[in-house]
């Protein structure tokens, strides 16, 4: 198995107003996006070409939206953001860039 192109742990994954997990994992590997709960069970997955990821202006910097198989998930990836004043993009922005790169859309 190849090294994951993107991985984040401790991710809060929600669907609509419902939280599915507060300690989940987001992984992009072998051209596929996986959303996993805190036990490692798959919540949803899809080829990255079929995933739409964005960071809307109306949510905090630590959150991203991901449309996977017609379902919109709100991902809170903030625990792994760089400290204020430190270099590096917030995890939500890195996630969106990783989806675009893995789908072949550049970065």
N, C-alpha and C. Protein backbone atom coordinates (compact mmCIF):
# COMPACT_ATOMS: atom_id res chain seq x y z
N UNK A 1 0.84 -1.18 0.00
CA UNK A 1 0.00 0.00 0.00
C UNK A 1 0.88 1.24 0.00
N UNK A 2 0.53 2.18 -0.81
CA UNK A 2 1.31 3.42 -0.93
C UNK A 2 1.10 4.31 0.28
N UNK A 3 2.06 5.18 0.49
CA UNK A 3 1.98 6.17 1.57
C UNK A 3 0.78 7.10 1.30
N UNK A 4 -0.05 7.40 2.32
CA UNK A 4 -1.18 8.31 2.10
C UNK A 4 -0.70 9.69 1.63
N UNK A 5 -1.43 10.26 0.70
CA UNK A 5 -1.11 11.60 0.20
C UNK A 5 -1.54 12.67 1.19
N UNK A 6 -2.55 12.36 1.99
CA UNK A 6 -3.02 13.28 3.02
C UNK A 6 -3.66 12.43 4.11
N UNK A 7 -3.38 12.78 5.35
CA UNK A 7 -4.04 12.13 6.46
C UNK A 7 -4.19 13.13 7.60
N UNK A 8 -5.32 13.09 8.24
CA UNK A 8 -5.56 13.94 9.41
C UNK A 8 -6.34 13.12 10.42
N UNK A 9 -5.93 13.18 11.67
CA UNK A 9 -6.61 12.46 12.73
C UNK A 9 -7.24 13.46 13.69
N UNK A 10 -8.11 12.99 14.53
CA UNK A 10 -8.78 13.87 15.48
C UNK A 10 -9.75 14.81 14.78
N UNK A 11 -10.31 14.37 13.66
CA UNK A 11 -11.18 15.21 12.84
C UNK A 11 -12.63 15.03 13.28
N UNK A 12 -13.30 16.14 13.46
CA UNK A 12 -14.74 16.09 13.73
C UNK A 12 -15.44 16.02 12.38
N UNK A 13 -16.24 14.98 12.18
CA UNK A 13 -16.96 14.78 10.93
C UNK A 13 -18.45 14.88 11.22
N UNK A 14 -19.11 15.80 10.53
CA UNK A 14 -20.54 15.99 10.72
C UNK A 14 -21.29 15.94 9.42
N UNK A 15 -22.57 15.58 9.52
CA UNK A 15 -23.45 15.54 8.37
C UNK A 15 -24.70 16.31 8.75
N UNK A 16 -24.94 17.40 8.02
CA UNK A 16 -26.01 18.35 8.36
C UNK A 16 -25.76 18.88 9.76
N UNK A 17 -26.71 18.72 10.65
CA UNK A 17 -26.51 19.24 12.02
C UNK A 17 -26.07 18.14 12.98
N UNK A 18 -25.77 16.96 12.48
CA UNK A 18 -25.44 15.82 13.31
C UNK A 18 -23.94 15.51 13.25
N UNK A 19 -23.36 15.32 14.41
CA UNK A 19 -21.94 14.92 14.48
C UNK A 19 -21.86 13.41 14.37
N UNK A 20 -21.04 12.94 13.43
CA UNK A 20 -20.85 11.49 13.26
C UNK A 20 -19.71 10.98 14.12
N UNK A 21 -18.68 11.78 14.28
CA UNK A 21 -17.55 11.43 15.14
C UNK A 21 -16.79 12.70 15.50
N UNK A 22 -16.18 12.69 16.67
CA UNK A 22 -15.36 13.83 17.08
C UNK A 22 -13.87 13.52 17.00
N UNK A 23 -13.56 12.28 16.72
CA UNK A 23 -12.15 11.88 16.66
C UNK A 23 -11.92 10.99 15.44
N UNK A 24 -12.44 11.41 14.32
CA UNK A 24 -12.33 10.62 13.10
C UNK A 24 -11.02 10.85 12.37
N UNK A 25 -10.97 10.28 11.19
CA UNK A 25 -9.77 10.38 10.36
C UNK A 25 -10.19 10.62 8.92
N UNK A 26 -9.42 11.49 8.25
CA UNK A 26 -9.60 11.74 6.83
C UNK A 26 -8.32 11.27 6.16
N UNK A 27 -8.46 10.46 5.11
CA UNK A 27 -7.28 9.92 4.43
C UNK A 27 -7.49 9.96 2.92
N UNK A 28 -6.46 10.40 2.22
CA UNK A 28 -6.43 10.31 0.77
C UNK A 28 -5.26 9.42 0.43
N UNK A 29 -5.57 8.29 -0.21
CA UNK A 29 -4.55 7.33 -0.56
C UNK A 29 -4.98 6.57 -1.80
N UNK A 30 -4.04 6.34 -2.71
CA UNK A 30 -4.31 5.58 -3.94
C UNK A 30 -5.49 6.15 -4.72
N UNK A 31 -5.62 7.49 -4.74
CA UNK A 31 -6.67 8.12 -5.51
C UNK A 31 -8.05 8.01 -4.91
N UNK A 32 -8.13 7.72 -3.63
CA UNK A 32 -9.42 7.52 -2.95
C UNK A 32 -9.45 8.30 -1.64
N UNK A 33 -10.58 8.96 -1.38
CA UNK A 33 -10.78 9.67 -0.11
C UNK A 33 -11.58 8.77 0.81
N UNK A 34 -11.14 8.65 2.05
CA UNK A 34 -11.85 7.87 3.06
C UNK A 34 -12.14 8.74 4.26
N UNK A 35 -13.35 8.64 4.78
CA UNK A 35 -13.73 9.25 6.05
C UNK A 35 -13.95 8.10 7.02
N UNK A 36 -13.19 8.09 8.11
CA UNK A 36 -13.24 6.99 9.07
C UNK A 36 -13.68 7.51 10.44
N UNK A 37 -14.42 6.68 11.17
CA UNK A 37 -14.81 7.10 12.53
C UNK A 37 -13.67 6.81 13.50
N UNK A 38 -13.89 7.06 14.77
CA UNK A 38 -12.82 6.93 15.76
C UNK A 38 -12.38 5.48 15.96
N UNK A 39 -13.18 4.52 15.52
CA UNK A 39 -12.81 3.10 15.64
C UNK A 39 -12.13 2.59 14.38
N UNK A 40 -12.00 3.44 13.36
CA UNK A 40 -11.38 3.04 12.11
C UNK A 40 -12.34 2.48 11.08
N UNK A 41 -13.64 2.46 11.42
CA UNK A 41 -14.64 1.99 10.46
C UNK A 41 -14.95 3.09 9.46
N UNK A 42 -15.22 2.70 8.25
CA UNK A 42 -15.47 3.65 7.18
C UNK A 42 -16.85 4.28 7.30
N UNK A 43 -16.88 5.60 7.26
CA UNK A 43 -18.13 6.34 7.21
C UNK A 43 -18.56 6.48 5.76
N UNK A 44 -17.62 6.86 4.91
CA UNK A 44 -17.88 7.03 3.49
C UNK A 44 -16.54 7.06 2.76
N UNK A 45 -16.57 6.74 1.48
CA UNK A 45 -15.37 6.86 0.66
C UNK A 45 -15.77 6.99 -0.80
N UNK A 46 -14.85 7.53 -1.58
CA UNK A 46 -15.09 7.72 -3.01
C UNK A 46 -13.78 8.02 -3.70
N UNK A 47 -13.71 7.79 -5.02
CA UNK A 47 -12.53 8.24 -5.77
C UNK A 47 -12.44 9.76 -5.68
N UNK A 48 -11.23 10.28 -5.56
CA UNK A 48 -11.09 11.74 -5.37
C UNK A 48 -11.66 12.54 -6.53
N UNK A 49 -11.70 11.95 -7.75
CA UNK A 49 -12.28 12.67 -8.88
C UNK A 49 -13.76 12.95 -8.67
N UNK A 50 -14.43 12.15 -7.82
CA UNK A 50 -15.86 12.32 -7.57
C UNK A 50 -16.14 13.17 -6.33
N UNK A 51 -15.08 13.63 -5.66
CA UNK A 51 -15.24 14.41 -4.41
C UNK A 51 -15.10 15.89 -4.70
N UNK A 52 -15.99 16.69 -4.15
CA UNK A 52 -15.85 18.15 -4.20
C UNK A 52 -15.48 18.61 -2.81
N UNK A 53 -14.40 19.37 -2.72
CA UNK A 53 -13.94 19.88 -1.42
C UNK A 53 -13.78 21.38 -1.52
N UNK A 54 -14.16 22.08 -0.45
CA UNK A 54 -14.04 23.54 -0.45
C UNK A 54 -13.93 24.05 0.97
N UNK A 55 -13.46 25.29 1.07
CA UNK A 55 -13.44 26.01 2.35
C UNK A 55 -14.27 27.27 2.14
N UNK A 56 -15.56 27.22 2.45
CA UNK A 56 -16.43 28.38 2.22
C UNK A 56 -16.04 29.56 3.09
N UNK A 57 -16.39 30.73 2.64
CA UNK A 57 -16.03 31.95 3.36
C UNK A 57 -16.78 32.09 4.67
N UNK A 58 -17.91 31.42 4.82
CA UNK A 58 -18.76 31.65 5.99
C UNK A 58 -18.47 30.71 7.16
N UNK A 59 -17.44 29.87 7.05
CA UNK A 59 -17.08 28.99 8.16
C UNK A 59 -15.66 29.32 8.61
N UNK A 60 -15.30 28.99 9.85
CA UNK A 60 -13.94 29.26 10.33
C UNK A 60 -12.88 28.55 9.49
N UNK A 61 -11.63 29.01 9.59
CA UNK A 61 -10.52 28.49 8.80
C UNK A 61 -10.22 27.02 9.04
N UNK A 62 -10.66 26.47 10.17
CA UNK A 62 -10.34 25.08 10.46
C UNK A 62 -11.35 24.10 9.88
N UNK A 63 -12.33 24.58 9.11
CA UNK A 63 -13.38 23.71 8.59
C UNK A 63 -13.39 23.66 7.07
N UNK A 64 -13.77 22.49 6.57
CA UNK A 64 -13.90 22.29 5.13
C UNK A 64 -15.18 21.51 4.86
N UNK A 65 -15.71 21.70 3.67
CA UNK A 65 -16.86 20.93 3.23
C UNK A 65 -16.37 19.90 2.22
N UNK A 66 -16.93 18.71 2.30
CA UNK A 66 -16.60 17.66 1.33
C UNK A 66 -17.89 17.00 0.89
N UNK A 67 -18.15 17.02 -0.41
CA UNK A 67 -19.29 16.30 -0.98
C UNK A 67 -18.79 14.95 -1.46
N UNK A 68 -19.25 13.89 -0.79
CA UNK A 68 -18.82 12.53 -1.09
C UNK A 68 -20.07 11.70 -1.38
N UNK A 69 -20.15 11.15 -2.58
CA UNK A 69 -21.30 10.32 -2.96
C UNK A 69 -22.64 11.02 -2.73
N UNK A 70 -22.68 12.31 -3.00
CA UNK A 70 -23.93 13.06 -2.86
C UNK A 70 -24.25 13.51 -1.45
N UNK A 71 -23.38 13.25 -0.51
CA UNK A 71 -23.59 13.65 0.89
C UNK A 71 -22.57 14.71 1.24
N UNK A 72 -23.03 15.79 1.85
CA UNK A 72 -22.13 16.86 2.26
C UNK A 72 -21.72 16.66 3.71
N UNK A 73 -20.40 16.64 3.92
CA UNK A 73 -19.84 16.49 5.26
C UNK A 73 -19.12 17.77 5.65
N UNK A 74 -19.25 18.15 6.90
CA UNK A 74 -18.49 19.27 7.45
C UNK A 74 -17.35 18.66 8.26
N UNK A 75 -16.13 19.01 7.87
CA UNK A 75 -14.93 18.47 8.52
C UNK A 75 -14.26 19.57 9.31
N UNK A 76 -14.01 19.33 10.59
CA UNK A 76 -13.27 20.27 11.42
C UNK A 76 -11.89 19.68 11.63
N UNK A 77 -10.90 20.29 10.97
CA UNK A 77 -9.54 19.76 10.95
C UNK A 77 -8.59 20.63 11.76
N UNK A 78 -9.08 21.47 12.61
CA UNK A 78 -8.27 22.51 13.24
C UNK A 78 -7.22 22.07 14.22
N UNK A 79 -7.29 20.86 14.76
CA UNK A 79 -6.32 20.47 15.79
C UNK A 79 -4.90 20.39 15.28
N UNK A 80 -4.73 20.26 13.97
CA UNK A 80 -3.39 20.08 13.43
C UNK A 80 -2.91 21.30 12.66
N UNK A 81 -3.56 22.44 12.86
CA UNK A 81 -3.12 23.67 12.20
C UNK A 81 -1.84 24.15 12.85
N UNK A 82 -1.01 24.86 12.08
CA UNK A 82 0.19 25.44 12.68
C UNK A 82 -0.18 26.49 13.72
N UNK A 83 0.68 26.68 14.67
CA UNK A 83 0.45 27.70 15.69
C UNK A 83 0.44 29.08 15.05
N UNK A 84 -0.27 30.03 15.63
CA UNK A 84 -0.28 31.39 15.07
C UNK A 84 1.14 31.92 14.92
N UNK A 85 1.41 32.51 13.77
CA UNK A 85 2.74 33.03 13.50
C UNK A 85 3.71 32.01 12.93
N UNK A 86 3.30 30.76 12.86
CA UNK A 86 4.15 29.70 12.31
C UNK A 86 3.82 29.49 10.83
N UNK A 87 4.80 29.09 10.02
CA UNK A 87 4.52 28.87 8.61
C UNK A 87 3.67 27.62 8.39
N UNK A 88 2.98 27.60 7.27
CA UNK A 88 2.18 26.44 6.90
C UNK A 88 0.72 26.79 6.76
N UNK A 89 0.06 26.11 5.88
CA UNK A 89 -1.36 26.36 5.63
C UNK A 89 -2.21 25.64 6.69
N UNK A 90 -3.36 26.20 7.05
CA UNK A 90 -4.26 25.49 7.95
C UNK A 90 -4.66 24.15 7.35
N UNK A 91 -4.98 23.19 8.21
CA UNK A 91 -5.30 21.83 7.77
C UNK A 91 -6.45 21.80 6.78
N UNK A 92 -7.47 22.63 6.95
CA UNK A 92 -8.61 22.63 6.03
C UNK A 92 -8.16 23.00 4.63
N UNK A 93 -7.32 24.00 4.51
CA UNK A 93 -6.84 24.41 3.19
C UNK A 93 -5.93 23.35 2.59
N UNK A 94 -5.09 22.72 3.42
CA UNK A 94 -4.23 21.63 2.93
C UNK A 94 -5.06 20.45 2.45
N UNK A 95 -6.18 20.17 3.13
CA UNK A 95 -7.08 19.10 2.71
C UNK A 95 -7.65 19.37 1.33
N UNK A 96 -8.16 20.58 1.12
CA UNK A 96 -8.74 20.94 -0.18
C UNK A 96 -7.68 20.85 -1.28
N UNK A 97 -6.48 21.34 -1.00
CA UNK A 97 -5.39 21.26 -1.98
C UNK A 97 -5.02 19.81 -2.28
N UNK A 98 -5.03 18.95 -1.25
CA UNK A 98 -4.69 17.54 -1.45
C UNK A 98 -5.73 16.83 -2.31
N UNK A 99 -7.00 17.16 -2.13
CA UNK A 99 -8.05 16.58 -2.96
C UNK A 99 -7.85 17.00 -4.41
N UNK A 100 -7.59 18.27 -4.62
CA UNK A 100 -7.39 18.76 -5.99
C UNK A 100 -6.15 18.14 -6.64
N UNK A 101 -5.07 18.02 -5.89
CA UNK A 101 -3.84 17.41 -6.41
C UNK A 101 -4.09 15.94 -6.77
N UNK A 102 -4.73 15.21 -5.87
CA UNK A 102 -4.97 13.78 -6.09
C UNK A 102 -5.92 13.55 -7.26
N UNK A 103 -6.83 14.50 -7.50
CA UNK A 103 -7.77 14.37 -8.62
C UNK A 103 -7.15 14.81 -9.93
N UNK A 104 -5.93 15.34 -9.87
CA UNK A 104 -5.25 15.76 -11.09
C UNK A 104 -5.53 17.19 -11.47
N UNK A 105 -6.08 17.97 -10.53
CA UNK A 105 -6.41 19.36 -10.82
C UNK A 105 -5.33 20.34 -10.47
N UNK A 106 -4.14 19.87 -10.19
CA UNK A 106 -3.05 20.78 -9.80
C UNK A 106 -3.18 21.17 -8.36
N UNK A 107 -2.41 22.18 -7.96
CA UNK A 107 -2.48 22.52 -6.56
C UNK A 107 -2.13 23.92 -6.42
